[in-house]
Amino acid sequence: MHTMTKRKKNTKAEKAAKAKQRAEYMTVFINGKQKRVRREPTIDGLPVDEFIERNADAIWYHQNEMWECIKPE
């Protein structure tokens, strides 16, 4: 005879913690094993470097001492 066990439902706090964990880390395979690695930070879904490259102007680069990124016109 097969008995069914009841599953414990997660509380709101547990669900929030799980969502935070999922947003902060991603699972990748390394040497055939699953590893959790920190996600790279994004702004509006773009990597930070790409977001800056698309939106920054020469003045912003100068203020933040990123002179190598200033393109001559």
PDB file of N, CA and C in Angstrom:
ATOM      1  N   MET A   1       0.833  -1.167   0.000  1.00  0.00           N
ATOM      2  CA  MET A   1       0.000   0.000   0.000  1.00  0.00           C
ATOM      3  C   MET A   1       0.891   1.248   0.000  1.00  0.00           C
ATOM      4  N   HIS A   2       0.546   2.230  -0.765  1.00  0.00           N
ATOM      5  CA  HIS A   2       1.340   3.446  -0.918  1.00  0.00           C
ATOM      6  C   HIS A   2       0.758   4.540  -0.039  1.00  0.00           C
ATOM      7  N   THR A   3       1.619   5.106   0.815  1.00  0.00           N
ATOM      8  CA  THR A   3       1.140   6.201   1.656  1.00  0.00           C
ATOM      9  C   THR A   3       1.699   7.506   1.125  1.00  0.00           C
ATOM     10  N   MET A   4       0.887   8.515   1.136  1.00  0.00           N
ATOM     11  CA  MET A   4       1.328   9.835   0.672  1.00  0.00           C
ATOM     12  C   MET A   4       1.702  10.674   1.882  1.00  0.00           C
ATOM     13  N   THR A   5       2.822  11.345   1.776  1.00  0.00           N
ATOM     14  CA  THR A   5       3.230  12.218   2.865  1.00  0.00           C
ATOM     15  C   THR A   5       2.833  13.645   2.512  1.00  0.00           C
ATOM     16  N   LYS A   6       2.519  14.392   3.535  1.00  0.00           N
ATOM     17  CA  LYS A   6       2.150  15.783   3.307  1.00  0.00           C
ATOM     18  C   LYS A   6       3.408  16.616   3.146  1.00  0.00           C
ATOM     19  N   ARG A   7       3.356  17.530   2.199  1.00  0.00           N
ATOM     20  CA  ARG A   7       4.476  18.439   1.986  1.00  0.00           C
ATOM     21  C   ARG A   7       4.250  19.705   2.784  1.00  0.00           C
ATOM     22  N   LYS A   8       5.309  20.193   3.389  1.00  0.00           N
ATOM     23  CA  LYS A   8       5.231  21.429   4.162  1.00  0.00           C
ATOM     24  C   LYS A   8       5.276  22.608   3.205  1.00  0.00           C
ATOM     25  N   LYS A   9       4.352  23.549   3.356  1.00  0.00           N
ATOM     26  CA  LYS A   9       4.355  24.734   2.516  1.00  0.00           C
ATOM     27  C   LYS A   9       5.324  25.747   3.097  1.00  0.00           C
ATOM     28  N   ASN A  10       6.002  26.470   2.200  1.00  0.00           N
ATOM     29  CA  ASN A  10       6.941  27.492   2.643  1.00  0.00           C
ATOM     30  C   ASN A  10       6.193  28.713   3.162  1.00  0.00           C
ATOM     31  N   THR A  11       6.754  29.332   4.190  1.00  0.00           N
ATOM     32  CA  THR A  11       6.172  30.557   4.712  1.00  0.00           C
ATOM     33  C   THR A  11       6.548  31.712   3.782  1.00  0.00           C
ATOM     34  N   LYS A  12       5.938  32.870   3.998  1.00  0.00           N
ATOM     35  CA  LYS A  12       6.259  34.040   3.169  1.00  0.00           C
ATOM     36  C   LYS A  12       7.723  34.405   3.305  1.00  0.00           C
ATOM     37  N   ALA A  13       8.264  34.309   4.515  1.00  0.00           N
ATOM     38  CA  ALA A  13       9.674  34.634   4.735  1.00  0.00           C
ATOM     39  C   ALA A  13      10.579  33.663   3.980  1.00  0.00           C
ATOM     40  N   GLU A  14      10.237  32.388   3.984  1.00  0.00           N
ATOM     41  CA  GLU A  14      11.041  31.393   3.269  1.00  0.00           C
ATOM     42  C   GLU A  14      10.975  31.631   1.756  1.00  0.00           C
ATOM     43  N   LYS A  15       9.770  31.973   1.267  1.00  0.00           N
ATOM     44  CA  LYS A  15       9.629  32.264  -0.158  1.00  0.00           C
ATOM     45  C   LYS A  15      10.444  33.486  -0.546  1.00  0.00           C
ATOM     46  N   ALA A  16      10.419  34.524   0.300  1.00  0.00           N
ATOM     47  CA  ALA A  16      11.185  35.740   0.017  1.00  0.00           C
ATOM     48  C   ALA A  16      12.681  35.447   0.026  1.00  0.00           C
ATOM     49  N   ALA A  17      13.127  34.640   0.982  1.00  0.00           N
ATOM     50  CA  ALA A  17      14.548  34.288   1.062  1.00  0.00           C
ATOM     51  C   ALA A  17      14.980  33.498  -0.181  1.00  0.00           C
ATOM     52  N   LYS A  18      14.117  32.600  -0.633  1.00  0.00           N
ATOM     53  CA  LYS A  18      14.421  31.798  -1.817  1.00  0.00           C
ATOM     54  C   LYS A  18      14.490  32.680  -3.064  1.00  0.00           C
ATOM     55  N   ALA A  19      13.573  33.641  -3.188  1.00  0.00           N
ATOM     56  CA  ALA A  19      13.570  34.551  -4.329  1.00  0.00           C
ATOM     57  C   ALA A  19      14.820  35.427  -4.325  1.00  0.00           C
ATOM     58  N   LYS A  20      15.211  35.888  -3.137  1.00  0.00           N
ATOM     59  CA  LYS A  20      16.419  36.722  -3.022  1.00  0.00           C
ATOM     60  C   LYS A  20      17.648  35.906  -3.425  1.00  0.00           C
ATOM     61  N   GLN A  21      17.711  34.674  -2.959  1.00  0.00           N
ATOM     62  CA  GLN A  21      18.832  33.776  -3.283  1.00  0.00           C
ATOM     63  C   GLN A  21      18.890  33.533  -4.794  1.00  0.00           C
ATOM     64  N   ARG A  22      17.723  33.306  -5.409  1.00  0.00           N
ATOM     65  CA  ARG A  22      17.660  33.028  -6.838  1.00  0.00           C
ATOM     66  C   ARG A  22      18.089  34.250  -7.653  1.00  0.00           C
ATOM     67  N   ALA A  23      17.748  35.454  -7.151  1.00  0.00           N
ATOM     68  CA  ALA A  23      18.125  36.677  -7.860  1.00  0.00           C
ATOM     69  C   ALA A  23      19.620  36.966  -7.721  1.00  0.00           C
ATOM     70  N   GLU A  24      20.206  36.572  -6.605  1.00  0.00           N
ATOM     71  CA  GLU A  24      21.603  36.898  -6.332  1.00  0.00           C
ATOM     72  C   GLU A  24      22.584  35.879  -6.924  1.00  0.00           C
ATOM     73  N   TYR A  25      22.178  34.632  -7.018  1.00  0.00           N
ATOM     74  CA  TYR A  25      23.059  33.566  -7.509  1.00  0.00           C
ATOM     75  C   TYR A  25      22.451  32.863  -8.705  1.00  0.00           C
ATOM     76  N   MET A  26      23.308  32.236  -9.518  1.00  0.00           N
ATOM     77  CA  MET A  26      22.836  31.372 -10.600  1.00  0.00           C
ATOM     78  C   MET A  26      23.597  30.057 -10.527  1.00  0.00           C
ATOM     79  N   THR A  27      23.009  29.020 -11.054  1.00  0.00           N
ATOM     80  CA  THR A  27      23.614  27.702 -11.014  1.00  0.00           C
ATOM     81  C   THR A  27      24.290  27.423 -12.346  1.00  0.00           C
ATOM     82  N   VAL A  28      25.551  27.014 -12.296  1.00  0.00           N
ATOM     83  CA  VAL A  28      26.304  26.657 -13.497  1.00  0.00           C
ATOM     84  C   VAL A  28      26.939  25.283 -13.275  1.00  0.00           C
ATOM     85  N   PHE A  29      27.290  24.637 -14.369  1.00  0.00           N
ATOM     86  CA  PHE A  29      27.975  23.353 -14.271  1.00  0.00           C
ATOM     87  C   PHE A  29      29.467  23.573 -14.442  1.00  0.00           C
ATOM     88  N   ILE A  30      30.258  23.094 -13.476  1.00  0.00           N
ATOM     89  CA  ILE A  30      31.714  23.155 -13.541  1.00  0.00           C
ATOM     90  C   ILE A  30      32.221  21.738 -13.300  1.00  0.00           C
ATOM     91  N   ASN A  31      32.939  21.184 -14.271  1.00  0.00           N
ATOM     92  CA  ASN A  31      33.449  19.808 -14.199  1.00  0.00           C
ATOM     93  C   ASN A  31      32.335  18.803 -13.906  1.00  0.00           C
ATOM     94  N   GLY A  32      31.172  19.014 -14.506  1.00  0.00           N
ATOM     95  CA  GLY A  32      30.065  18.080 -14.345  1.00  0.00           C
ATOM     96  C   GLY A  32      29.325  18.192 -13.028  1.00  0.00           C
ATOM     97  N   LYS A  33      29.629  19.204 -12.234  1.00  0.00           N
ATOM     98  CA  LYS A  33      28.943  19.399 -10.955  1.00  0.00           C
ATOM     99  C   LYS A  33      28.252  20.752 -10.950  1.00  0.00           C
ATOM    100  N   GLN A  34      27.122  20.818 -10.265  1.00  0.00           N
ATOM    101  CA  GLN A  34      26.414  22.089 -10.151  1.00  0.00           C
ATOM    102  C   GLN A  34      27.076  22.954  -9.091  1.00  0.00           C
ATOM    103  N   LYS A  35      27.318  24.203  -9.439  1.00  0.00           N
ATOM    104  CA  LYS A  35      27.887  25.158  -8.493  1.00  0.00           C
ATOM    105  C   LYS A  35      27.033  26.422  -8.533  1.00  0.00           C
ATOM    106  N   ARG A  36      26.877  27.064  -7.385  1.00  0.00           N
ATOM    107  CA  ARG A  36      26.182  28.346  -7.327  1.00  0.00           C
ATOM    108  C   ARG A  36      27.226  29.443  -7.403  1.00  0.00           C
ATOM    109  N   VAL A  37      27.057  30.346  -8.353  1.00  0.00           N
ATOM    110  CA  VAL A  37      27.969  31.478  -8.491  1.00  0.00           C
ATOM    111  C   VAL A  37      27.152  32.764  -8.458  1.00  0.00           C
ATOM    112  N   ARG A  38      27.770  33.810  -7.968  1.00  0.00           N
ATOM    113  CA  ARG A  38      27.106  35.106  -7.867  1.00  0.00           C
ATOM    114  C   ARG A  38      26.855  35.662  -9.273  1.00  0.00           C
ATOM    115  N   ARG A  39      25.673  36.199  -9.495  1.00  0.00           N
ATOM    116  CA  ARG A  39      25.369  36.821 -10.782  1.00  0.00           C
ATOM    117  C   ARG A  39      26.125  38.133 -10.910  1.00  0.00           C
ATOM    118  N   GLU A  40      26.448  38.482 -12.143  1.00  0.00           N
ATOM    119  CA  GLU A  40      27.112  39.763 -12.344  1.00  0.00           C
ATOM    120  C   GLU A  40      26.065  40.877 -12.226  1.00  0.00           C
ATOM    121  N   PRO A  41      26.433  42.004 -11.637  1.00  0.00           N
ATOM    122  CA  PRO A  41      25.449  43.072 -11.424  1.00  0.00           C
ATOM    123  C   PRO A  41      24.943  43.644 -12.755  1.00  0.00           C
ATOM    124  N   THR A  42      23.662  44.003 -12.779  1.00  0.00           N
ATOM    125  CA  THR A  42      23.056  44.558 -13.984  1.00  0.00           C
ATOM    126  C   THR A  42      22.269  45.814 -13.645  1.00  0.00           C
ATOM    127  N   ILE A  43      22.094  46.662 -14.649  1.00  0.00           N
ATOM    128  CA  ILE A  43      21.236  47.843 -14.557  1.00  0.00           C
ATOM    129  C   ILE A  43      20.258  47.731 -15.717  1.00  0.00           C
ATOM    130  N   ASP A  44      18.980  47.687 -15.431  1.00  0.00           N
ATOM    131  CA  ASP A  44      17.941  47.526 -16.457  1.00  0.00           C
ATOM    132  C   ASP A  44      18.215  46.319 -17.348  1.00  0.00           C
ATOM    133  N   GLY A  45      18.757  45.251 -16.787  1.00  0.00           N
ATOM    134  CA  GLY A  45      19.014  44.028 -17.532  1.00  0.00           C
ATOM    135  C   GLY A  45      20.301  44.023 -18.338  1.00  0.00           C
ATOM    136  N   LEU A  46      21.046  45.114 -18.323  1.00  0.00           N
ATOM    137  CA  LEU A  46      22.322  45.186 -19.039  1.00  0.00           C
ATOM    138  C   LEU A  46      23.465  45.075 -18.050  1.00  0.00           C
ATOM    139  N   PRO A  47      24.580  44.447 -18.448  1.00  0.00           N
ATOM    140  CA  PRO A  47      25.758  44.482 -17.579  1.00  0.00           C
ATOM    141  C   PRO A  47      26.166  45.936 -17.338  1.00  0.00           C
ATOM    142  N   VAL A  48      26.742  46.216 -16.181  1.00  0.00           N
ATOM    143  CA  VAL A  48      27.066  47.583 -15.785  1.00  0.00           C
ATOM    144  C   VAL A  48      27.959  48.270 -16.817  1.00  0.00           C
ATOM    145  N   ASP A  49      28.997  47.574 -17.299  1.00  0.00           N
ATOM    146  CA  ASP A  49      29.913  48.180 -18.270  1.00  0.00           C
ATOM    147  C   ASP A  49      29.190  48.590 -19.549  1.00  0.00           C
ATOM    148  N   GLU A  50      28.303  47.720 -20.045  1.00  0.00           N
ATOM    149  CA  GLU A  50      27.571  48.026 -21.272  1.00  0.00           C
ATOM    150  C   GLU A  50      26.600  49.189 -21.057  1.00  0.00           C
ATOM    151  N   PHE A  51      25.953  49.238 -19.892  1.00  0.00           N
ATOM    152  CA  PHE A  51      25.031  50.331 -19.588  1.00  0.00           C
ATOM    153  C   PHE A  51      25.780  51.665 -19.585  1.00  0.00           C
ATOM    154  N   ILE A  52      26.955  51.697 -18.936  1.00  0.00           N
ATOM    155  CA  ILE A  52      27.759  52.920 -18.887  1.00  0.00           C
ATOM    156  C   ILE A  52      28.190  53.314 -20.293  1.00  0.00           C
ATOM    157  N   GLU A  53      28.638  52.331 -21.075  1.00  0.00           N
ATOM    158  CA  GLU A  53      29.101  52.614 -22.433  1.00  0.00           C
ATOM    159  C   GLU A  53      28.001  53.223 -23.292  1.00  0.00           C
ATOM    160  N   ARG A  54      26.770  52.744 -23.135  1.00  0.00           N
ATOM    161  CA  ARG A  54      25.652  53.252 -23.926  1.00  0.00           C
ATOM    162  C   ARG A  54      25.178  54.629 -23.476  1.00  0.00           C
ATOM    163  N   ASN A  55      25.277  54.928 -22.172  1.00  0.00           N
ATOM    164  CA  ASN A  55      24.636  56.120 -21.637  1.00  0.00           C
ATOM    165  C   ASN A  55      25.568  57.241 -21.191  1.00  0.00           C
ATOM    166  N   ALA A  56      26.840  56.981 -21.028  1.00  0.00           N
ATOM    167  CA  ALA A  56      27.748  58.004 -20.503  1.00  0.00           C
ATOM    168  C   ALA A  56      28.216  58.932 -21.616  1.00  0.00           C
ATOM    169  N   ASP A  57      28.514  60.168 -21.225  1.00  0.00           N
ATOM    170  CA  ASP A  57      29.097  61.118 -22.170  1.00  0.00           C
ATOM    171  C   ASP A  57      30.516  61.458 -21.706  1.00  0.00           C
ATOM    172  N   ALA A  58      31.196  62.288 -22.480  1.00  0.00           N
ATOM    173  CA  ALA A  58      32.599  62.605 -22.189  1.00  0.00           C
ATOM    174  C   ALA A  58      32.758  63.266 -20.822  1.00  0.00           C
ATOM    175  N   ILE A  59      31.806  64.103 -20.437  1.00  0.00           N
ATOM    176  CA  ILE A  59      31.888  64.774 -19.137  1.00  0.00           C
ATOM    177  C   ILE A  59      31.814  63.757 -18.003  1.00  0.00           C
ATOM    178  N   TRP A  60      30.897  62.785 -18.110  1.00  0.00           N
ATOM    179  CA  TRP A  60      30.764  61.761 -17.062  1.00  0.00           C
ATOM    180  C   TRP A  60      32.055  60.946 -16.946  1.00  0.00           C
ATOM    181  N   TYR A  61      32.605  60.556 -18.108  1.00  0.00           N
ATOM    182  CA  TYR A  61      33.866  59.804 -18.093  1.00  0.00           C
ATOM    183  C   TYR A  61      34.959  60.617 -17.404  1.00  0.00           C
ATOM    184  N   HIS A  62      35.035  61.906 -17.707  1.00  0.00           N
ATOM    185  CA  HIS A  62      36.061  62.760 -17.112  1.00  0.00           C
ATOM    186  C   HIS A  62      35.871  62.875 -15.600  1.00  0.00           C
ATOM    187  N   GLN A  63      34.618  63.048 -15.151  1.00  0.00           N
ATOM    188  CA  GLN A  63      34.342  63.173 -13.722  1.00  0.00           C
ATOM    189  C   GLN A  63      34.708  61.900 -12.966  1.00  0.00           C
ATOM    190  N   ASN A  64      34.591  60.755 -13.618  1.00  0.00           N
ATOM    191  CA  ASN A  64      34.869  59.478 -12.975  1.00  0.00           C
ATOM    192  C   ASN A  64      36.242  58.920 -13.341  1.00  0.00           C
ATOM    193  N   GLU A  65      37.090  59.771 -13.903  1.00  0.00           N
ATOM    194  CA  GLU A  65      38.471  59.421 -14.238  1.00  0.00           C
ATOM    195  C   GLU A  65      38.582  58.192 -15.129  1.00  0.00           C
ATOM    196  N   MET A  66      37.699  58.097 -16.102  1.00  0.00           N
ATOM    197  CA  MET A  66      37.727  56.982 -17.055  1.00  0.00           C
ATOM    198  C   MET A  66      38.128  57.528 -18.427  1.00  0.00           C
ATOM    199  N   TRP A  67      39.298  58.187 -18.472  1.00  0.00           N
ATOM    200  CA  TRP A  67      39.722  58.883 -19.675  1.00  0.00           C
ATOM    201  C   TRP A  67      39.947  57.933 -20.848  1.00  0.00           C
ATOM    202  N   GLU A  68      40.323  56.686 -20.573  1.00  0.00           N
ATOM    203  CA  GLU A  68      40.581  55.750 -21.671  1.00  0.00           C
ATOM    204  C   GLU A  68      39.314  55.418 -22.450  1.00  0.00           C
ATOM    205  N   CYS A  69      38.146  55.705 -21.876  1.00  0.00           N
ATOM    206  CA  CYS A  69      36.875  55.411 -22.545  1.00  0.00           C
ATOM    207  C   CYS A  69      36.381  56.566 -23.413  1.00  0.00           C
ATOM    208  N   ILE A  70      36.987  57.741 -23.276  1.00  0.00           N
ATOM    209  CA  ILE A  70      36.563  58.899 -24.062  1.00  0.00           C
ATOM    210  C   ILE A  70      37.020  58.694 -25.500  1.00  0.00           C
ATOM    211  N   LYS A  71      36.038  58.775 -26.432  1.00  0.00           N
ATOM    212  CA  LYS A  71      36.341  58.589 -27.842  1.00  0.00           C
ATOM    213  C   LYS A  71      36.571  59.954 -28.484  1.00  0.00           C
ATOM    214  N   PRO A  72      37.673  60.109 -29.225  1.00  0.00           N
ATOM    215  CA  PRO A  72      37.879  61.401 -29.894  1.00  0.00           C
ATOM    216  C   PRO A  72      36.843  61.576 -30.998  1.00  0.00           C
ATOM    217  N   GLU A  73      36.403  62.812 -31.140  1.00  0.00           N
ATOM    218  CA  GLU A  73      35.330  63.070 -32.125  1.00  0.00           C
ATOM    219  C   GLU A  73      35.873  63.486 -33.459  1.00  0.00           C
TER     220      GLU A  73
END
